[in-house]
Amino acid sequence: GNTAELVEQADMVIGAVLIPGAEAPKLITRAQLSDMKPGAA
């Protein structure tokens, strides 16, 4: 919930997650892009 709310308000989101040696978890879905500000990075 917090992540979704803050991502909607953001001009820029920096993905900086790490699980050592493993594939990174997907934290923002394509569906969430429609809730973001147009032109956000």
PDB file of all heavy atoms in Angstrom:
ATOM      1  N   GLY A   1       0.816  -1.220   0.000  1.00  0.00           N
ATOM      2  CA  GLY A   1       0.000   0.000   0.000  1.00  0.00           C
ATOM      3  C   GLY A   1       0.838   1.253   0.000  1.00  0.00           C
ATOM      4  O   GLY A   1       0.599   2.179  -0.790  1.00  0.00           O
ATOM      5  N   ASN A   2       1.829   1.323   0.898  1.00  0.00           N
ATOM      6  CA  ASN A   2       2.715   2.494   0.945  1.00  0.00           C
ATOM      7  C   ASN A   2       3.464   2.669  -0.364  1.00  0.00           C
ATOM      8  O   ASN A   2       3.595   3.781  -0.889  1.00  0.00           O
ATOM      9  CB  ASN A   2       3.729   2.339   2.082  1.00  0.00           C
ATOM     10  CG  ASN A   2       3.163   2.683   3.433  1.00  0.00           C
ATOM     11  OD1 ASN A   2       2.095   3.288   3.532  1.00  0.00           O
ATOM     12  ND2 ASN A   2       3.862   2.289   4.487  1.00  0.00           N
ATOM     13  N   THR A   3       3.984   1.558  -0.893  1.00  0.00           N
ATOM     14  CA  THR A   3       4.743   1.631  -2.134  1.00  0.00           C
ATOM     15  C   THR A   3       3.876   2.156  -3.264  1.00  0.00           C
ATOM     16  O   THR A   3       4.280   3.069  -4.003  1.00  0.00           O
ATOM     17  CB  THR A   3       5.310   0.243  -2.499  1.00  0.00           C
ATOM     18  OG1 THR A   3       6.144  -0.222  -1.434  1.00  0.00           O
ATOM     19  CG2 THR A   3       6.112   0.299  -3.783  1.00  0.00           C
ATOM     20  N   ALA A   4       2.672   1.612  -3.420  1.00  0.00           N
ATOM     21  CA  ALA A   4       1.777   2.045  -4.491  1.00  0.00           C
ATOM     22  C   ALA A   4       1.445   3.527  -4.369  1.00  0.00           C
ATOM     23  O   ALA A   4       1.457   4.269  -5.362  1.00  0.00           O
ATOM     24  CB  ALA A   4       0.513   1.202  -4.479  1.00  0.00           C
ATOM     25  N   GLU A   5       1.158   3.977  -3.161  1.00  0.00           N
ATOM     26  CA  GLU A   5       0.783   5.381  -2.952  1.00  0.00           C
ATOM     27  C   GLU A   5       1.934   6.319  -3.290  1.00  0.00           C
ATOM     28  O   GLU A   5       1.744   7.338  -3.982  1.00  0.00           O
ATOM     29  CB  GLU A   5       0.352   5.587  -1.495  1.00  0.00           C
ATOM     30  CG  GLU A   5      -0.091   7.011  -1.186  1.00  0.00           C
ATOM     31  CD  GLU A   5      -0.531   7.186   0.257  1.00  0.00           C
ATOM     32  OE1 GLU A   5      -0.653   6.174   0.979  1.00  0.00           O
ATOM     33  OE2 GLU A   5      -0.750   8.345   0.660  1.00  0.00           O
ATOM     34  N   LEU A   6       3.132   5.986  -2.829  1.00  0.00           N
ATOM     35  CA  LEU A   6       4.280   6.853  -3.079  1.00  0.00           C
ATOM     36  C   LEU A   6       4.692   6.834  -4.547  1.00  0.00           C
ATOM     37  O   LEU A   6       5.104   7.865  -5.098  1.00  0.00           O
ATOM     38  CB  LEU A   6       5.453   6.436  -2.191  1.00  0.00           C
ATOM     39  CG  LEU A   6       5.287   6.797  -0.712  1.00  0.00           C
ATOM     40  CD1 LEU A   6       6.304   6.064   0.146  1.00  0.00           C
ATOM     41  CD2 LEU A   6       5.427   8.302  -0.516  1.00  0.00           C
ATOM     42  N   VAL A   7       4.585   5.671  -5.200  1.00  0.00           N
ATOM     43  CA  VAL A   7       4.928   5.577  -6.619  1.00  0.00           C
ATOM     44  C   VAL A   7       3.981   6.439  -7.458  1.00  0.00           C
ATOM     45  O   VAL A   7       4.401   7.093  -8.424  1.00  0.00           O
ATOM     46  CB  VAL A   7       4.907   4.101  -7.083  1.00  0.00           C
ATOM     47  CG1 VAL A   7       4.900   3.995  -8.604  1.00  0.00           C
ATOM     48  CG2 VAL A   7       6.111   3.360  -6.508  1.00  0.00           C
ATOM     49  N   GLU A   8       2.705   6.478  -7.099  1.00  0.00           N
ATOM     50  CA  GLU A   8       1.749   7.313  -7.823  1.00  0.00           C
ATOM     51  C   GLU A   8       2.121   8.792  -7.752  1.00  0.00           C
ATOM     52  O   GLU A   8       1.897   9.558  -8.697  1.00  0.00           O
ATOM     53  CB  GLU A   8       0.344   7.122  -7.248  1.00  0.00           C
ATOM     54  CG  GLU A   8      -0.291   5.785  -7.576  1.00  0.00           C
ATOM     55  CD  GLU A   8      -1.657   5.640  -6.941  1.00  0.00           C
ATOM     56  OE1 GLU A   8      -2.257   6.681  -6.561  1.00  0.00           O
ATOM     57  OE2 GLU A   8      -2.136   4.503  -6.804  1.00  0.00           O
ATOM     58  N   GLN A   9       2.713   9.204  -6.627  1.00  0.00           N
ATOM     59  CA  GLN A   9       3.041  10.617  -6.423  1.00  0.00           C
ATOM     60  C   GLN A   9       4.421  10.986  -6.967  1.00  0.00           C
ATOM     61  O   GLN A   9       4.758  12.167  -7.067  1.00  0.00           O
ATOM     62  CB  GLN A   9       3.005  10.931  -4.919  1.00  0.00           C
ATOM     63  CG  GLN A   9       1.664  10.697  -4.263  1.00  0.00           C
ATOM     64  CD  GLN A   9       1.763  10.716  -2.740  1.00  0.00           C
ATOM     65  OE1 GLN A   9       2.835  10.946  -2.168  1.00  0.00           O
ATOM     66  NE2 GLN A   9       0.636  10.495  -2.075  1.00  0.00           N
ATOM     67  N   ALA A  10       5.216   9.994  -7.333  1.00  0.00           N
ATOM     68  CA  ALA A  10       6.632  10.219  -7.642  1.00  0.00           C
ATOM     69  C   ALA A  10       6.858  10.786  -9.039  1.00  0.00           C
ATOM     70  O   ALA A  10       6.147  10.447  -9.992  1.00  0.00           O
ATOM     71  CB  ALA A  10       7.397   8.913  -7.506  1.00  0.00           C
ATOM     72  N   ASP A  11       7.873  11.614  -9.143  1.00  0.00           N
ATOM     73  CA  ASP A  11       8.400  12.011 -10.448  1.00  0.00           C
ATOM     74  C   ASP A  11       9.472  11.025 -10.904  1.00  0.00           C
ATOM     75  O   ASP A  11       9.659  10.816 -12.099  1.00  0.00           O
ATOM     76  CB  ASP A  11       9.003  13.416 -10.363  1.00  0.00           C
ATOM     77  CG  ASP A  11       7.968  14.457  -9.996  1.00  0.00           C
ATOM     78  OD1 ASP A  11       7.024  14.660 -10.784  1.00  0.00           O
ATOM     79  OD2 ASP A  11       8.091  15.046  -8.904  1.00  0.00           O
ATOM     80  N   MET A  12      10.162  10.417  -9.933  1.00  0.00           N
ATOM     81  CA  MET A  12      11.216   9.449 -10.232  1.00  0.00           C
ATOM     82  C   MET A  12      11.161   8.325  -9.212  1.00  0.00           C
ATOM     83  O   MET A  12      10.991   8.571  -8.016  1.00  0.00           O
ATOM     84  CB  MET A  12      12.603  10.110 -10.175  1.00  0.00           C
ATOM     85  CG  MET A  12      13.760   9.185 -10.505  1.00  0.00           C
ATOM     86  SD  MET A  12      15.380   9.909 -10.076  1.00  0.00           S
ATOM     87  CE  MET A  12      15.306  11.470 -10.951  1.00  0.00           C
ATOM     88  N   VAL A  13      11.289   7.092  -9.692  1.00  0.00           N
ATOM     89  CA  VAL A  13      11.388   5.926  -8.818  1.00  0.00           C
ATOM     90  C   VAL A  13      12.699   5.217  -9.143  1.00  0.00           C
ATOM     91  O   VAL A  13      12.962   4.890 -10.308  1.00  0.00           O
ATOM     92  CB  VAL A  13      10.210   4.950  -9.007  1.00  0.00           C
ATOM     93  CG1 VAL A  13      10.374   3.734  -8.082  1.00  0.00           C
ATOM     94  CG2 VAL A  13       8.880   5.649  -8.745  1.00  0.00           C
ATOM     95  N   ILE A  14      13.508   4.992  -8.116  1.00  0.00           N
ATOM     96  CA  ILE A  14      14.774   4.283  -8.278  1.00  0.00           C
ATOM     97  C   ILE A  14      14.623   2.902  -7.649  1.00  0.00           C
ATOM     98  O   ILE A  14      14.361   2.791  -6.447  1.00  0.00           O
ATOM     99  CB  ILE A  14      15.936   5.055  -7.626  1.00  0.00           C
ATOM    100  CG1 ILE A  14      16.117   6.409  -8.322  1.00  0.00           C
ATOM    101  CG2 ILE A  14      17.227   4.240  -7.684  1.00  0.00           C
ATOM    102  CD1 ILE A  14      17.118   7.326  -7.645  1.00  0.00           C
ATOM    103  N   GLY A  15      14.768   1.864  -8.457  1.00  0.00           N
ATOM    104  CA  GLY A  15      14.686   0.490  -7.973  1.00  0.00           C
ATOM    105  C   GLY A  15      16.047   0.032  -7.501  1.00  0.00           C
ATOM    106  O   GLY A  15      16.977  -0.079  -8.299  1.00  0.00           O
ATOM    107  N   ALA A  16      16.165  -0.242  -6.206  1.00  0.00           N
ATOM    108  CA  ALA A  16      17.473  -0.543  -5.617  1.00  0.00           C
ATOM    109  C   ALA A  16      17.404  -1.778  -4.725  1.00  0.00           C
ATOM    110  O   ALA A  16      18.058  -1.838  -3.694  1.00  0.00           O
ATOM    111  CB  ALA A  16      17.966   0.661  -4.814  1.00  0.00           C
ATOM    112  N   VAL A  17      16.600  -2.760  -5.123  1.00  0.00           N
ATOM    113  CA  VAL A  17      16.452  -3.963  -4.302  1.00  0.00           C
ATOM    114  C   VAL A  17      17.465  -5.023  -4.720  1.00  0.00           C
ATOM    115  O   VAL A  17      17.883  -5.082  -5.872  1.00  0.00           O
ATOM    116  CB  VAL A  17      15.033  -4.551  -4.402  1.00  0.00           C
ATOM    117  CG1 VAL A  17      14.025  -3.581  -3.828  1.00  0.00           C
ATOM    118  CG2 VAL A  17      14.690  -4.901  -5.834  1.00  0.00           C
ATOM    119  N   LEU A  18      17.854  -5.868  -3.755  1.00  0.00           N
ATOM    120  CA  LEU A  18      18.816  -6.926  -4.037  1.00  0.00           C
ATOM    121  C   LEU A  18      18.528  -8.123  -3.156  1.00  0.00           C
ATOM    122  O   LEU A  18      18.408  -7.996  -1.940  1.00  0.00           O
ATOM    123  CB  LEU A  18      20.246  -6.443  -3.772  1.00  0.00           C
ATOM    124  CG  LEU A  18      21.334  -7.521  -3.872  1.00  0.00           C
ATOM    125  CD1 LEU A  18      21.530  -7.957  -5.319  1.00  0.00           C
ATOM    126  CD2 LEU A  18      22.648  -7.032  -3.273  1.00  0.00           C
ATOM    127  N   ILE A  19      18.403  -9.281  -3.783  1.00  0.00           N
ATOM    128  CA  ILE A  19      18.446 -10.555  -3.084  1.00  0.00           C
ATOM    129  C   ILE A  19      19.708 -11.234  -3.600  1.00  0.00           C
ATOM    130  O   ILE A  19      19.781 -11.592  -4.774  1.00  0.00           O
ATOM    131  CB  ILE A  19      17.204 -11.415  -3.376  1.00  0.00           C
ATOM    132  CG1 ILE A  19      15.941 -10.657  -2.955  1.00  0.00           C
ATOM    133  CG2 ILE A  19      17.300 -12.754  -2.651  1.00  0.00           C
ATOM    134  CD1 ILE A  19      14.655 -11.369  -3.328  1.00  0.00           C
ATOM    135  N   PRO A  20      20.747 -11.380  -2.760  1.00  0.00           N
ATOM    136  CA  PRO A  20      22.058 -11.813  -3.257  1.00  0.00           C
ATOM    137  C   PRO A  20      21.996 -13.038  -4.160  1.00  0.00           C
ATOM    138  O   PRO A  20      21.488 -14.091  -3.783  1.00  0.00           O
ATOM    139  CB  PRO A  20      22.828 -12.110  -1.963  1.00  0.00           C
ATOM    140  CG  PRO A  20      22.221 -11.186  -0.959  1.00  0.00           C
ATOM    141  CD  PRO A  20      20.753 -11.142  -1.309  1.00  0.00           C
ATOM    142  N   GLY A  21      22.511 -12.860  -5.377  1.00  0.00           N
ATOM    143  CA  GLY A  21      22.611 -13.953  -6.332  1.00  0.00           C
ATOM    144  C   GLY A  21      21.314 -14.387  -6.970  1.00  0.00           C
ATOM    145  O   GLY A  21      21.320 -15.228  -7.871  1.00  0.00           O
ATOM    146  N   ALA A  22      20.181 -13.828  -6.521  1.00  0.00           N
ATOM    147  CA  ALA A  22      18.870 -14.272  -6.990  1.00  0.00           C
ATOM    148  C   ALA A  22      18.265 -13.251  -7.936  1.00  0.00           C
ATOM    149  O   ALA A  22      18.718 -12.107  -8.028  1.00  0.00           O
ATOM    150  CB  ALA A  22      17.939 -14.510  -5.815  1.00  0.00           C
ATOM    151  N   GLU A  23      17.217 -13.672  -8.634  1.00  0.00           N
ATOM    152  CA  GLU A  23      16.505 -12.757  -9.509  1.00  0.00           C
ATOM    153  C   GLU A  23      15.769 -11.716  -8.678  1.00  0.00           C
ATOM    154  O   GLU A  23      15.193 -12.023  -7.630  1.00  0.00           O
ATOM    155  CB  GLU A  23      15.518 -13.532 -10.382  1.00  0.00           C
ATOM    156  CG  GLU A  23      14.955 -12.713 -11.534  1.00  0.00           C
ATOM    157  CD  GLU A  23      14.280 -13.577 -12.583  1.00  0.00           C
ATOM    158  OE1 GLU A  23      14.171 -14.799 -12.373  1.00  0.00           O
ATOM    159  OE2 GLU A  23      13.868 -13.009 -13.616  1.00  0.00           O
ATOM    160  N   ALA A  24      15.798 -10.474  -9.130  1.00  0.00           N
ATOM    161  CA  ALA A  24      15.164  -9.389  -8.382  1.00  0.00           C
ATOM    162  C   ALA A  24      13.640  -9.548  -8.376  1.00  0.00           C
ATOM    163  O   ALA A  24      13.062  -9.951  -9.387  1.00  0.00           O
ATOM    164  CB  ALA A  24      15.538  -8.039  -8.993  1.00  0.00           C
ATOM    165  N   PRO A  25      12.984  -9.245  -7.263  1.00  0.00           N
ATOM    166  CA  PRO A  25      11.520  -9.289  -7.229  1.00  0.00           C
ATOM    167  C   PRO A  25      10.934  -8.150  -8.044  1.00  0.00           C
ATOM    168  O   PRO A  25      11.523  -7.073  -8.155  1.00  0.00           O
ATOM    169  CB  PRO A  25      11.195  -9.123  -5.742  1.00  0.00           C
ATOM    170  CG  PRO A  25      12.358  -8.342  -5.198  1.00  0.00           C
ATOM    171  CD  PRO A  25      13.556  -8.798  -5.987  1.00  0.00           C
ATOM    172  N   LYS A  26       9.769  -8.376  -8.631  1.00  0.00           N
ATOM    173  CA  LYS A  26       9.101  -7.344  -9.428  1.00  0.00           C
ATOM    174  C   LYS A  26       8.197  -6.517  -8.517  1.00  0.00           C
ATOM    175  O   LYS A  26       7.196  -7.009  -7.990  1.00  0.00           O
ATOM    176  CB  LYS A  26       8.286  -7.986 -10.554  1.00  0.00           C
ATOM    177  CG  LYS A  26       9.141  -8.821 -11.512  1.00  0.00           C
ATOM    178  CD  LYS A  26      10.162  -7.977 -12.253  1.00  0.00           C
ATOM    179  CE  LYS A  26      10.949  -8.764 -13.291  1.00  0.00           C
ATOM    180  NZ  LYS A  26      12.023  -9.564 -12.699  1.00  0.00           N
ATOM    181  N   LEU A  27       8.554  -5.264  -8.302  1.00  0.00           N
ATOM    182  CA  LEU A  27       7.891  -4.432  -7.307  1.00  0.00           C
ATOM    183  C   LEU A  27       6.894  -3.447  -7.893  1.00  0.00           C
ATOM    184  O   LEU A  27       6.052  -2.928  -7.173  1.00  0.00           O
ATOM    185  CB  LEU A  27       8.950  -3.673  -6.500  1.00  0.00           C
ATOM    186  CG  LEU A  27       9.986  -4.569  -5.803  1.00  0.00           C
ATOM    187  CD1 LEU A  27      11.023  -3.724  -5.100  1.00  0.00           C
ATOM    188  CD2 LEU A  27       9.300  -5.501  -4.808  1.00  0.00           C
ATOM    189  N   ILE A  28       6.996  -3.181  -9.182  1.00  0.00           N
ATOM    190  CA  ILE A  28       6.020  -2.314  -9.856  1.00  0.00           C
ATOM    191  C   ILE A  28       5.538  -3.051 -11.094  1.00  0.00           C
ATOM    192  O   ILE A  28       6.334  -3.447 -11.949  1.00  0.00           O
ATOM    193  CB  ILE A  28       6.628  -0.949 -10.241  1.00  0.00           C
ATOM    194  CG1 ILE A  28       7.031  -0.169  -8.986  1.00  0.00           C
ATOM    195  CG2 ILE A  28       5.640  -0.131 -11.066  1.00  0.00           C
ATOM    196  CD1 ILE A  28       7.659   1.183  -9.286  1.00  0.00           C
ATOM    197  N   THR A  29       4.236  -3.247 -11.180  1.00  0.00           N
ATOM    198  CA  THR A  29       3.654  -3.971 -12.307  1.00  0.00           C
ATOM    199  C   THR A  29       3.352  -3.009 -13.454  1.00  0.00           C
ATOM    200  O   THR A  29       3.306  -1.790 -13.274  1.00  0.00           O
ATOM    201  CB  THR A  29       2.363  -4.668 -11.893  1.00  0.00           C
ATOM    202  OG1 THR A  29       1.369  -3.666 -11.570  1.00  0.00           O
ATOM    203  CG2 THR A  29       2.573  -5.570 -10.685  1.00  0.00           C
ATOM    204  N   ARG A  30       3.101  -3.586 -14.624  1.00  0.00           N
ATOM    205  CA  ARG A  30       2.733  -2.737 -15.766  1.00  0.00           C
ATOM    206  C   ARG A  30       1.427  -2.011 -15.491  1.00  0.00           C
ATOM    207  O   ARG A  30       1.268  -0.839 -15.857  1.00  0.00           O
ATOM    208  CB  ARG A  30       2.605  -3.583 -17.031  1.00  0.00           C
ATOM    209  CG  ARG A  30       2.209  -2.755 -18.240  1.00  0.00           C
ATOM    210  CD  ARG A  30       2.488  -3.402 -19.551  1.00  0.00           C
ATOM    211  NE  ARG A  30       2.305  -2.451 -20.647  1.00  0.00           N
ATOM    212  CZ  ARG A  30       2.843  -2.573 -21.838  1.00  0.00           C
ATOM    213  NH1 ARG A  30       3.605  -3.607 -22.116  1.00  0.00           N
ATOM    214  NH2 ARG A  30       2.636  -1.666 -22.776  1.00  0.00           N
ATOM    215  N   ALA A  31       0.492  -2.670 -14.829  1.00  0.00           N
ATOM    216  CA  ALA A  31      -0.793  -2.031 -14.530  1.00  0.00           C
ATOM    217  C   ALA A  31      -0.614  -0.772 -13.694  1.00  0.00           C
ATOM    218  O   ALA A  31      -1.382   0.190 -13.835  1.00  0.00           O
ATOM    219  CB  ALA A  31      -1.706  -3.024 -13.816  1.00  0.00           C
ATOM    220  N   GLN A  32       0.396  -0.756 -12.821  1.00  0.00           N
ATOM    221  CA  GLN A  32       0.621   0.411 -11.964  1.00  0.00           C
ATOM    222  C   GLN A  32       1.113   1.628 -12.740  1.00  0.00           C
ATOM    223  O   GLN A  32       0.978   2.760 -12.264  1.00  0.00           O
ATOM    224  CB  GLN A  32       1.622   0.071 -10.863  1.00  0.00           C
ATOM    225  CG  GLN A  32       1.065  -0.808  -9.756  1.00  0.00           C
ATOM    226  CD  GLN A  32       2.114  -1.140  -8.717  1.00  0.00           C
ATOM    227  OE1 GLN A  32       2.879  -2.084  -8.876  1.00  0.00           O
ATOM    228  NE2 GLN A  32       2.169  -0.350  -7.663  1.00  0.00           N
ATOM    229  N   LEU A  33       1.668   1.412 -13.925  1.00  0.00           N
ATOM    230  CA  LEU A  33       2.182   2.552 -14.688  1.00  0.00           C
ATOM    231  C   LEU A  33       1.078   3.542 -15.017  1.00  0.00           C
ATOM    232  O   LEU A  33       1.313   4.757 -15.074  1.00  0.00           O
ATOM    233  CB  LEU A  33       2.854   2.071 -15.980  1.00  0.00           C
ATOM    234  CG  LEU A  33       4.041   1.112 -15.857  1.00  0.00           C
ATOM    235  CD1 LEU A  33       4.685   0.899 -17.218  1.00  0.00           C
ATOM    236  CD2 LEU A  33       5.070   1.601 -14.849  1.00  0.00           C
ATOM    237  N   SER A  34      -0.131   3.044 -15.210  1.00  0.00           N
ATOM    238  CA  SER A  34      -1.241   3.929 -15.564  1.00  0.00           C
ATOM    239  C   SER A  34      -1.622   4.859 -14.424  1.00  0.00           C
ATOM    240  O   SER A  34      -2.284   5.886 -14.638  1.00  0.00           O
ATOM    241  CB  SER A  34      -2.462   3.111 -15.995  1.00  0.00           C
ATOM    242  OG  SER A  34      -2.914   2.292 -14.934  1.00  0.00           O
ATOM    243  N   ASP A  35      -1.207   4.527 -13.201  1.00  0.00           N
ATOM    244  CA  ASP A  35      -1.496   5.375 -12.042  1.00  0.00           C
ATOM    245  C   ASP A  35      -0.396   6.392 -11.782  1.00  0.00           C
ATOM    246  O   ASP A  35      -0.548   7.266 -10.920  1.00  0.00           O
ATOM    247  CB  ASP A  35      -1.676   4.515 -10.783  1.00  0.00           C
ATOM    248  CG  ASP A  35      -2.866   3.576 -10.879  1.00  0.00           C
ATOM    249  OD1 ASP A  35      -3.889   3.986 -11.470  1.00  0.00           O
ATOM    250  OD2 ASP A  35      -2.775   2.444 -10.367  1.00  0.00           O
ATOM    251  N   MET A  36       0.711   6.290 -12.512  1.00  0.00           N
ATOM    252  CA  MET A  36       1.829   7.196 -12.297  1.00  0.00           C
ATOM    253  C   MET A  36       1.661   8.477 -13.097  1.00  0.00           C
ATOM    254  O   MET A  36       0.854   8.557 -14.026  1.00  0.00           O
ATOM    255  CB  MET A  36       3.144   6.503 -12.681  1.00  0.00           C
ATOM    256  CG  MET A  36       3.502   5.311 -11.814  1.00  0.00           C
ATOM    257  SD  MET A  36       5.081   4.540 -12.295  1.00  0.00           S
ATOM    258  CE  MET A  36       6.224   5.864 -11.871  1.00  0.00           C
ATOM    259  N   LYS A  37       2.445   9.487 -12.736  1.00  0.00           N
ATOM    260  CA  LYS A  37       2.418  10.748 -13.462  1.00  0.00           C
ATOM    261  C   LYS A  37       3.013  10.546 -14.860  1.00  0.00           C
ATOM    262  O   LYS A  37       4.076   9.936 -14.996  1.00  0.00           O
ATOM    263  CB  LYS A  37       3.249  11.791 -12.725  1.00  0.00           C
ATOM    264  CG  LYS A  37       2.743  12.149 -11.333  1.00  0.00           C
ATOM    265  CD  LYS A  37       3.704  13.132 -10.672  1.00  0.00           C
ATOM    266  CE  LYS A  37       3.244  13.529  -9.286  1.00  0.00           C
ATOM    267  NZ  LYS A  37       4.212  14.434  -8.617  1.00  0.00           N
ATOM    268  N   PRO A  38       2.363  11.030 -15.897  1.00  0.00           N
ATOM    269  CA  PRO A  38       2.927  10.908 -17.252  1.00  0.00           C
ATOM    270  C   PRO A  38       4.323  11.514 -17.318  1.00  0.00           C
ATOM    271  O   PRO A  38       4.557  12.616 -16.821  1.00  0.00           O
ATOM    272  CB  PRO A  38       1.938  11.702 -18.113  1.00  0.00           C
ATOM    273  CG  PRO A  38       0.659  11.672 -17.344  1.00  0.00           C
ATOM    274  CD  PRO A  38       1.048  11.708 -15.898  1.00  0.00           C
ATOM    275  N   GLY A  39       5.244  10.778 -17.916  1.00  0.00           N
ATOM    276  CA  GLY A  39       6.613  11.262 -18.037  1.00  0.00           C
ATOM    277  C   GLY A  39       7.487  10.994 -16.832  1.00  0.00           C
ATOM    278  O   GLY A  39       8.656  11.393 -16.813  1.00  0.00           O
ATOM    279  N   ALA A  40       6.949  10.334 -15.819  1.00  0.00           N
ATOM    280  CA  ALA A  40       7.770   9.966 -14.666  1.00  0.00           C
ATOM    281  C   ALA A  40       8.883   9.020 -15.100  1.00  0.00           C
ATOM    282  O   ALA A  40       8.776   8.340 -16.129  1.00  0.00           O
ATOM    283  CB  ALA A  40       6.914   9.314 -13.585  1.00  0.00           C
ATOM    284  N   ALA A  41       9.963   8.963 -14.320  1.00  0.00           N
ATOM    285  CA  ALA A  41      11.140   8.165 -14.674  1.00  0.00           C
ATOM    286  C   ALA A  41      11.285   6.982 -13.731  1.00  0.00           C
ATOM    287  O   ALA A  41      11.197   7.142 -12.508  1.00  0.00           O
ATOM    288  CB  ALA A  41      12.401   9.026 -14.623  1.00  0.00           C
TER     289      ALA A  41
END
